[in-house]
C-alpha cells in the first residue's frame, strides 16, 4: 500500500478516518481498511468510546469495500506488544 502524502492526507474528509478527531487511520479503500484493523491497537491517546466509534466506522468501511473481517468486535483484535 502506498503511503499517503501529507497533501493527500489533508484532502481526505475527517469523516473518512477511523479516528476523525485525531485524523488517524484513513478508510479510503480496502487496503486502508485492512491497515486500520492491523494497526487498531497501536493508536494511542484515544478513549474507549473513541475506539468503539472507530470500530463501527471500520466495520462500515469494510462492508463498503467488501473487506472480510475475522473479528466481530474490536476486543477480538490481538493486543499490540509493548515496546
PDB file of N, CA and C in Angstrom:
ATOM      1  N   UNK A   1       0.843  -1.173   0.000  1.00  0.00           N
ATOM      2  CA  UNK A   1       0.000   0.000   0.000  1.00  0.00           C
ATOM      3  C   UNK A   1       0.887   1.235   0.000  1.00  0.00           C
ATOM      4  N   UNK A   2       0.569   2.174  -0.860  1.00  0.00           N
ATOM      5  CA  UNK A   2       1.335   3.410  -0.935  1.00  0.00           C
ATOM      6  C   UNK A   2       0.997   4.304   0.247  1.00  0.00           C
ATOM      7  N   UNK A   3       2.017   4.947   0.772  1.00  0.00           N
ATOM      8  CA  UNK A   3       1.818   5.858   1.883  1.00  0.00           C
ATOM      9  C   UNK A   3       1.190   7.143   1.361  1.00  0.00           C
ATOM     10  N   UNK A   4       0.258   7.694   2.121  1.00  0.00           N
ATOM     11  CA  UNK A   4      -0.377   8.944   1.719  1.00  0.00           C
ATOM     12  C   UNK A   4       0.561  10.114   1.970  1.00  0.00           C
ATOM     13  N   UNK A   5       0.680  10.974   0.979  1.00  0.00           N
ATOM     14  CA  UNK A   5       1.458  12.193   1.148  1.00  0.00           C
ATOM     15  C   UNK A   5       0.670  13.136   2.050  1.00  0.00           C
ATOM     16  N   UNK A   6       1.368  14.052   2.715  1.00  0.00           N
ATOM     17  CA  UNK A   6       0.713  14.982   3.631  1.00  0.00           C
ATOM     18  C   UNK A   6      -0.382  15.776   2.929  1.00  0.00           C
ATOM     19  N   UNK A   7      -0.142  16.195   1.713  1.00  0.00           N
ATOM     20  CA  UNK A   7      -1.143  16.967   0.967  1.00  0.00           C
ATOM     21  C   UNK A   7      -2.375  16.116   0.678  1.00  0.00           C
ATOM     22  N   UNK A   8      -2.158  14.858   0.316  1.00  0.00           N
ATOM     23  CA  UNK A   8      -3.279  13.951   0.051  1.00  0.00           C
ATOM     24  C   UNK A   8      -4.074  13.686   1.327  1.00  0.00           C
ATOM     25  N   UNK A   9      -3.364  13.520   2.428  1.00  0.00           N
ATOM     26  CA  UNK A   9      -4.000  13.247   3.711  1.00  0.00           C
ATOM     27  C   UNK A   9      -4.896  14.418   4.127  1.00  0.00           C
ATOM     28  N   UNK A  10      -4.449  15.641   3.856  1.00  0.00           N
ATOM     29  CA  UNK A  10      -5.228  16.827   4.224  1.00  0.00           C
ATOM     30  C   UNK A  10      -6.517  16.937   3.412  1.00  0.00           C
ATOM     31  N   UNK A  11      -6.538  16.364   2.221  1.00  0.00           N
ATOM     32  CA  UNK A  11      -7.717  16.447   1.368  1.00  0.00           C
ATOM     33  C   UNK A  11      -8.795  15.432   1.749  1.00  0.00           C
ATOM     34  N   UNK A  12      -8.447  14.459   2.556  1.00  0.00           N
ATOM     35  CA  UNK A  12      -9.422  13.450   2.977  1.00  0.00           C
ATOM     36  C   UNK A  12     -10.310  14.055   4.061  1.00  0.00           C
ATOM     37  N   UNK A  13     -11.595  13.895   3.914  1.00  0.00           N
ATOM     38  CA  UNK A  13     -12.557  14.381   4.903  1.00  0.00           C
ATOM     39  C   UNK A  13     -12.312  13.698   6.249  1.00  0.00           C
ATOM     40  N   UNK A  14     -12.511  14.427   7.321  1.00  0.00           N
ATOM     41  CA  UNK A  14     -12.356  13.851   8.660  1.00  0.00           C
ATOM     42  C   UNK A  14     -13.255  12.641   8.851  1.00  0.00           C
ATOM     43  N   UNK A  15     -14.403  12.642   8.181  1.00  0.00           N
ATOM     44  CA  UNK A  15     -15.346  11.526   8.297  1.00  0.00           C
ATOM     45  C   UNK A  15     -14.801  10.237   7.696  1.00  0.00           C
ATOM     46  N   UNK A  16     -13.733  10.346   6.915  1.00  0.00           N
ATOM     47  CA  UNK A  16     -13.160   9.176   6.260  1.00  0.00           C
ATOM     48  C   UNK A  16     -11.996   8.570   7.033  1.00  0.00           C
ATOM     49  N   UNK A  17     -11.915   8.877   8.311  1.00  0.00           N
ATOM     50  CA  UNK A  17     -10.891   8.313   9.185  1.00  0.00           C
ATOM     51  C   UNK A  17     -11.559   7.463  10.260  1.00  0.00           C
ATOM     52  N   UNK A  18     -10.873   6.432  10.698  1.00  0.00           N
ATOM     53  CA  UNK A  18     -11.391   5.639  11.810  1.00  0.00           C
ATOM     54  C   UNK A  18     -11.448   6.505  13.067  1.00  0.00           C
ATOM     55  N   UNK A  19     -10.444   7.333  13.249  1.00  0.00           N
ATOM     56  CA  UNK A  19     -10.359   8.257  14.382  1.00  0.00           C
ATOM     57  C   UNK A  19     -10.357   9.676  13.816  1.00  0.00           C
ATOM     58  N   UNK A  20     -11.535  10.243  13.541  1.00  0.00           N
ATOM     59  CA  UNK A  20     -11.609  11.519  12.823  1.00  0.00           C
ATOM     60  C   UNK A  20     -11.017  12.710  13.571  1.00  0.00           C
ATOM     61  N   UNK A  21     -11.198  12.779  14.882  1.00  0.00           N
ATOM     62  CA  UNK A  21     -10.677  13.917  15.635  1.00  0.00           C
ATOM     63  C   UNK A  21      -9.149  13.962  15.549  1.00  0.00           C
ATOM     64  N   UNK A  22      -8.537  12.806  15.596  1.00  0.00           N
ATOM     65  CA  UNK A  22      -7.080  12.698  15.541  1.00  0.00           C
ATOM     66  C   UNK A  22      -6.565  12.573  14.107  1.00  0.00           C
ATOM     67  N   UNK A  23      -7.504  12.347  13.162  1.00  0.00           N
ATOM     68  CA  UNK A  23      -7.182  12.114  11.752  1.00  0.00           C
ATOM     69  C   UNK A  23      -6.192  10.948  11.619  1.00  0.00           C
ATOM     70  N   UNK A  24      -6.544   9.847  12.306  1.00  0.00           N
ATOM     71  CA  UNK A  24      -5.717   8.639  12.271  1.00  0.00           C
ATOM     72  C   UNK A  24      -6.468   7.525  11.571  1.00  0.00           C
ATOM     73  N   UNK A  25      -5.768   6.740  10.825  1.00  0.00           N
ATOM     74  CA  UNK A  25      -6.274   5.557  10.122  1.00  0.00           C
ATOM     75  C   UNK A  25      -7.345   5.901   9.082  1.00  0.00           C
ATOM     76  N   UNK A  26      -6.903   6.387   7.911  1.00  0.00           N
ATOM     77  CA  UNK A  26      -7.863   6.680   6.839  1.00  0.00           C
ATOM     78  C   UNK A  26      -8.563   5.411   6.359  1.00  0.00           C
ATOM     79  N   UNK A  27      -9.785   5.596   5.878  1.00  0.00           N
ATOM     80  CA  UNK A  27     -10.602   4.461   5.419  1.00  0.00           C
ATOM     81  C   UNK A  27     -11.076   4.722   3.992  1.00  0.00           C
ATOM     82  N   UNK A  28     -10.150   5.049   3.109  1.00  0.00           N
ATOM     83  CA  UNK A  28     -10.478   5.448   1.746  1.00  0.00           C
ATOM     84  C   UNK A  28     -10.648   4.299   0.763  1.00  0.00           C
ATOM     85  N   UNK A  29     -10.129   3.121   1.110  1.00  0.00           N
ATOM     86  CA  UNK A  29     -10.220   1.975   0.206  1.00  0.00           C
ATOM     87  C   UNK A  29      -9.984   0.691   1.009  1.00  0.00           C
ATOM     88  N   UNK A  30     -10.067  -0.436   0.342  1.00  0.00           N
ATOM     89  CA  UNK A  30      -9.932  -1.729   1.026  1.00  0.00           C
ATOM     90  C   UNK A  30      -8.578  -1.876   1.722  1.00  0.00           C
ATOM     91  N   UNK A  31      -7.522  -1.425   1.073  1.00  0.00           N
ATOM     92  CA  UNK A  31      -6.190  -1.536   1.680  1.00  0.00           C
ATOM     93  C   UNK A  31      -6.103  -0.717   2.965  1.00  0.00           C
ATOM     94  N   UNK A  32      -6.698   0.467   2.956  1.00  0.00           N
ATOM     95  CA  UNK A  32      -6.702   1.297   4.163  1.00  0.00           C
ATOM     96  C   UNK A  32      -7.511   0.649   5.277  1.00  0.00           C
ATOM     97  N   UNK A  33      -8.604   0.017   4.924  1.00  0.00           N
ATOM     98  CA  UNK A  33      -9.422  -0.656   5.935  1.00  0.00           C
ATOM     99  C   UNK A  33      -8.630  -1.789   6.577  1.00  0.00           C
ATOM    100  N   UNK A  34      -7.987  -2.600   5.767  1.00  0.00           N
ATOM    101  CA  UNK A  34      -7.179  -3.706   6.315  1.00  0.00           C
ATOM    102  C   UNK A  34      -6.054  -3.161   7.193  1.00  0.00           C
ATOM    103  N   UNK A  35      -5.441  -2.061   6.784  1.00  0.00           N
ATOM    104  CA  UNK A  35      -4.369  -1.444   7.561  1.00  0.00           C
ATOM    105  C   UNK A  35      -4.904  -0.888   8.887  1.00  0.00           C
ATOM    106  N   UNK A  36      -6.090  -0.289   8.856  1.00  0.00           N
ATOM    107  CA  UNK A  36      -6.685   0.255  10.078  1.00  0.00           C
ATOM    108  C   UNK A  36      -6.956  -0.857  11.087  1.00  0.00           C
ATOM    109  N   UNK A  37      -7.395  -2.003  10.613  1.00  0.00           N
ATOM    110  CA  UNK A  37      -7.632  -3.145  11.506  1.00  0.00           C
ATOM    111  C   UNK A  37      -6.301  -3.630  12.081  1.00  0.00           C
ATOM    112  N   UNK A  38      -5.295  -3.739  11.231  1.00  0.00           N
ATOM    113  CA  UNK A  38      -3.996  -4.237  11.677  1.00  0.00           C
ATOM    114  C   UNK A  38      -3.344  -3.308  12.701  1.00  0.00           C
ATOM    115  N   UNK A  39      -3.568  -2.027  12.570  1.00  0.00           N
ATOM    116  CA  UNK A  39      -2.929  -1.045  13.450  1.00  0.00           C
ATOM    117  C   UNK A  39      -3.838  -0.536  14.565  1.00  0.00           C
ATOM    118  N   UNK A  40      -5.028  -1.057  14.642  1.00  0.00           N
ATOM    119  CA  UNK A  40      -6.021  -0.536  15.580  1.00  0.00           C
ATOM    120  C   UNK A  40      -5.482  -0.397  17.002  1.00  0.00           C
ATOM    121  N   UNK A  41      -4.855  -1.417  17.520  1.00  0.00           N
ATOM    122  CA  UNK A  41      -4.369  -1.391  18.907  1.00  0.00           C
ATOM    123  C   UNK A  41      -3.093  -0.573  19.088  1.00  0.00           C
ATOM    124  N   UNK A  42      -2.560  -0.037  18.010  1.00  0.00           N
ATOM    125  CA  UNK A  42      -1.372   0.802  18.119  1.00  0.00           C
ATOM    126  C   UNK A  42      -1.719   2.280  18.286  1.00  0.00           C
ATOM    127  N   UNK A  43      -2.969   2.631  18.076  1.00  0.00           N
ATOM    128  CA  UNK A  43      -3.389   4.030  18.198  1.00  0.00           C
ATOM    129  C   UNK A  43      -3.413   4.401  19.676  1.00  0.00           C
ATOM    130  N   UNK A  44      -2.727   5.478  20.003  1.00  0.00           N
ATOM    131  CA  UNK A  44      -2.637   5.927  21.390  1.00  0.00           C
ATOM    132  C   UNK A  44      -3.352   7.257  21.560  1.00  0.00           C
ATOM    133  N   UNK A  45      -3.701   7.572  22.785  1.00  0.00           N
ATOM    134  CA  UNK A  45      -4.294   8.855  23.103  1.00  0.00           C
ATOM    135  C   UNK A  45      -5.761   8.980  22.743  1.00  0.00           C
ATOM    136  N   UNK A  46      -6.467   7.843  22.691  1.00  0.00           N
ATOM    137  CA  UNK A  46      -7.898   7.869  22.405  1.00  0.00           C
ATOM    138  C   UNK A  46      -8.637   7.124  23.511  1.00  0.00           C
ATOM    139  N   UNK A  47      -9.865   7.550  23.746  1.00  0.00           N
ATOM    140  CA  UNK A  47     -10.669   6.934  24.807  1.00  0.00           C
ATOM    141  C   UNK A  47     -11.291   5.628  24.324  1.00  0.00           C
ATOM    142  N   UNK A  48     -11.850   4.891  25.263  1.00  0.00           N
ATOM    143  CA  UNK A  48     -12.560   3.649  24.920  1.00  0.00           C
ATOM    144  C   UNK A  48     -13.766   3.958  24.037  1.00  0.00           C
ATOM    145  N   UNK A  49     -14.447   5.058  24.316  1.00  0.00           N
ATOM    146  CA  UNK A  49     -15.598   5.457  23.493  1.00  0.00           C
ATOM    147  C   UNK A  49     -15.154   5.759  22.065  1.00  0.00           C
ATOM    148  N   UNK A  50     -14.011   6.419  21.920  1.00  0.00           N
ATOM    149  CA  UNK A  50     -13.490   6.713  20.578  1.00  0.00           C
ATOM    150  C   UNK A  50     -13.105   5.424  19.858  1.00  0.00           C
ATOM    151  N   UNK A  51     -12.561   4.462  20.595  1.00  0.00           N
ATOM    152  CA  UNK A  51     -12.216   3.170  19.986  1.00  0.00           C
ATOM    153  C   UNK A  51     -13.470   2.441  19.521  1.00  0.00           C
ATOM    154  N   UNK A  52     -14.526   2.484  20.339  1.00  0.00           N
ATOM    155  CA  UNK A  52     -15.787   1.848  19.947  1.00  0.00           C
ATOM    156  C   UNK A  52     -16.339   2.492  18.682  1.00  0.00           C
ATOM    157  N   UNK A  53     -16.321   3.823  18.632  1.00  0.00           N
ATOM    158  CA  UNK A  53     -16.826   4.545  17.454  1.00  0.00           C
ATOM    159  C   UNK A  53     -15.955   4.258  16.236  1.00  0.00           C
ATOM    160  N   UNK A  54     -14.651   4.189  16.436  1.00  0.00           N
ATOM    161  CA  UNK A  54     -13.737   3.900  15.326  1.00  0.00           C
ATOM    162  C   UNK A  54     -14.000   2.506  14.771  1.00  0.00           C
ATOM    163  N   UNK A  55     -14.249   1.539  15.658  1.00  0.00           N
ATOM    164  CA  UNK A  55     -14.521   0.179  15.199  1.00  0.00           C
ATOM    165  C   UNK A  55     -15.782   0.148  14.343  1.00  0.00           C
ATOM    166  N   UNK A  56     -16.791   0.917  14.731  1.00  0.00           N
ATOM    167  CA  UNK A  56     -18.022   0.993  13.940  1.00  0.00           C
ATOM    168  C   UNK A  56     -17.730   1.564  12.548  1.00  0.00           C
ATOM    169  N   UNK A  57     -16.889   2.601  12.490  1.00  0.00           N
ATOM    170  CA  UNK A  57     -16.523   3.181  11.186  1.00  0.00           C
ATOM    171  C   UNK A  57     -15.729   2.184  10.351  1.00  0.00           C
ATOM    172  N   UNK A  58     -14.850   1.432  11.004  1.00  0.00           N
ATOM    173  CA  UNK A  58     -14.056   0.439  10.283  1.00  0.00           C
ATOM    174  C   UNK A  58     -14.956  -0.654   9.722  1.00  0.00           C
ATOM    175  N   UNK A  59     -15.898  -1.147  10.530  1.00  0.00           N
ATOM    176  CA  UNK A  59     -16.773  -2.217  10.039  1.00  0.00           C
ATOM    177  C   UNK A  59     -17.664  -1.721   8.901  1.00  0.00           C
ATOM    178  N   UNK A  60     -18.098  -0.475   8.976  1.00  0.00           N
ATOM    179  CA  UNK A  60     -18.908   0.090   7.883  1.00  0.00           C
ATOM    180  C   UNK A  60     -18.072   0.207   6.611  1.00  0.00           C
ATOM    181  N   UNK A  61     -16.818   0.664   6.758  1.00  0.00           N
ATOM    182  CA  UNK A  61     -15.938   0.782   5.594  1.00  0.00           C
ATOM    183  C   UNK A  61     -15.599  -0.602   5.037  1.00  0.00           C
ATOM    184  N   UNK A  62     -15.435  -1.587   5.913  1.00  0.00           N
ATOM    185  CA  UNK A  62     -15.145  -2.949   5.455  1.00  0.00           C
ATOM    186  C   UNK A  62     -16.296  -3.468   4.604  1.00  0.00           C
ATOM    187  N   UNK A  63     -17.510  -3.212   5.051  1.00  0.00           N
ATOM    188  CA  UNK A  63     -18.687  -3.630   4.294  1.00  0.00           C
ATOM    189  C   UNK A  63     -18.721  -2.916   2.935  1.00  0.00           C
ATOM    190  N   UNK A  64     -18.442  -1.619   2.953  1.00  0.00           N
ATOM    191  CA  UNK A  64     -18.464  -0.807   1.727  1.00  0.00           C
ATOM    192  C   UNK A  64     -17.450  -1.303   0.701  1.00  0.00           C
ATOM    193  N   UNK A  65     -16.255  -1.669   1.171  1.00  0.00           N
ATOM    194  CA  UNK A  65     -15.178  -2.079   0.265  1.00  0.00           C
ATOM    195  C   UNK A  65     -15.019  -3.600   0.177  1.00  0.00           C
ATOM    196  N   UNK A  66     -16.006  -4.343   0.670  1.00  0.00           N
ATOM    197  CA  UNK A  66     -16.005  -5.812   0.617  1.00  0.00           C
ATOM    198  C   UNK A  66     -14.765  -6.439   1.255  1.00  0.00           C
ATOM    199  N   UNK A  67     -14.412  -5.927   2.415  1.00  0.00           N
ATOM    200  CA  UNK A  67     -13.295  -6.478   3.183  1.00  0.00           C
ATOM    201  C   UNK A  67     -13.875  -7.388   4.254  1.00  0.00           C
ATOM    202  N   UNK A  68     -13.462  -8.636   4.250  1.00  0.00           N
ATOM    203  CA  UNK A  68     -13.946  -9.586   5.239  1.00  0.00           C
ATOM    204  C   UNK A  68     -13.150  -9.422   6.529  1.00  0.00           C
ATOM    205  N   UNK A  69     -13.860  -9.186   7.621  1.00  0.00           N
ATOM    206  CA  UNK A  69     -13.220  -9.084   8.926  1.00  0.00           C
ATOM    207  C   UNK A  69     -13.365 -10.409   9.655  1.00  0.00           C
ATOM    208  N   UNK A  70     -12.273 -10.878  10.231  1.00  0.00           N
ATOM    209  CA  UNK A  70     -12.308 -12.113  11.006  1.00  0.00           C
ATOM    210  C   UNK A  70     -12.761 -11.860  12.439  1.00  0.00           C
ATOM    211  N   UNK A  71     -12.777 -10.595  12.840  1.00  0.00           N
ATOM    212  CA  UNK A  71     -13.152 -10.215  14.189  1.00  0.00           C
ATOM    213  C   UNK A  71     -14.563  -9.627  14.177  1.00  0.00           C
ATOM    214  N   UNK A  72     -15.371 -10.033  15.135  1.00  0.00           N
ATOM    215  CA  UNK A  72     -16.722  -9.472  15.212  1.00  0.00           C
ATOM    216  C   UNK A  72     -16.767  -8.256  16.124  1.00  0.00           C
ATOM    217  N   UNK A  73     -15.717  -8.060  16.909  1.00  0.00           N
ATOM    218  CA  UNK A  73     -15.630  -6.869  17.758  1.00  0.00           C
ATOM    219  C   UNK A  73     -14.164  -6.472  17.891  1.00  0.00           C
ATOM    220  N   UNK A  74     -13.937  -5.262  18.319  1.00  0.00           N
ATOM    221  CA  UNK A  74     -12.558  -4.783  18.468  1.00  0.00           C
ATOM    222  C   UNK A  74     -11.834  -5.515  19.583  1.00  0.00           C
ATOM    223  N   UNK A  75     -12.587  -6.071  20.490  1.00  0.00           N
ATOM    224  CA  UNK A  75     -11.984  -6.802  21.617  1.00  0.00           C
ATOM    225  C   UNK A  75     -11.331  -8.104  21.169  1.00  0.00           C
ATOM    226  N   UNK A  76     -11.672  -8.562  19.969  1.00  0.00           N
ATOM    227  CA  UNK A  76     -11.068  -9.778  19.442  1.00  0.00           C
ATOM    228  C   UNK A  76      -9.718  -9.521  18.762  1.00  0.00           C
ATOM    229  N   UNK A  77      -9.354  -8.263  18.595  1.00  0.00           N
ATOM    230  CA  UNK A  77      -8.072  -7.930  17.974  1.00  0.00           C
ATOM    231  C   UNK A  77      -6.957  -8.275  18.925  1.00  0.00           C
ATOM    232  N   UNK A  78      -5.860  -8.744  18.382  1.00  0.00           N
ATOM    233  CA  UNK A  78      -4.698  -9.065  19.204  1.00  0.00           C
ATOM    234  C   UNK A  78      -4.114  -7.778  19.735  1.00  0.00           C
ATOM    235  N   UNK A  79      -3.731  -7.803  21.006  1.00  0.00           N
ATOM    236  CA  UNK A  79      -3.096  -6.640  21.622  1.00  0.00           C
ATOM    237  C   UNK A  79      -1.713  -6.463  21.009  1.00  0.00           C
ATOM    238  N   UNK A  80      -1.341  -5.219  20.790  1.00  0.00           N
ATOM    239  CA  UNK A  80      -0.007  -4.963  20.240  1.00  0.00           C
ATOM    240  C   UNK A  80       1.013  -5.098  21.367  1.00  0.00           C
ATOM    241  N   UNK A  81       2.181  -5.618  21.028  1.00  0.00           N
ATOM    242  CA  UNK A  81       3.215  -5.792  22.068  1.00  0.00           C
ATOM    243  C   UNK A  81       3.719  -4.442  22.562  1.00  0.00           C
ATOM    244  N   UNK A  82       4.012  -4.360  23.823  1.00  0.00           N
ATOM    245  CA  UNK A  82       4.567  -3.126  24.411  1.00  0.00           C
ATOM    246  C   UNK A  82       6.019  -3.013  24.014  1.00  0.00           C
ATOM    247  N   UNK A  83       6.427  -1.803  23.728  1.00  0.00           N
ATOM    248  CA  UNK A  83       7.829  -1.556  23.338  1.00  0.00           C
ATOM    249  C   UNK A  83       8.668  -1.247  24.547  1.00  0.00           C
TER     250      UNK A  83
END
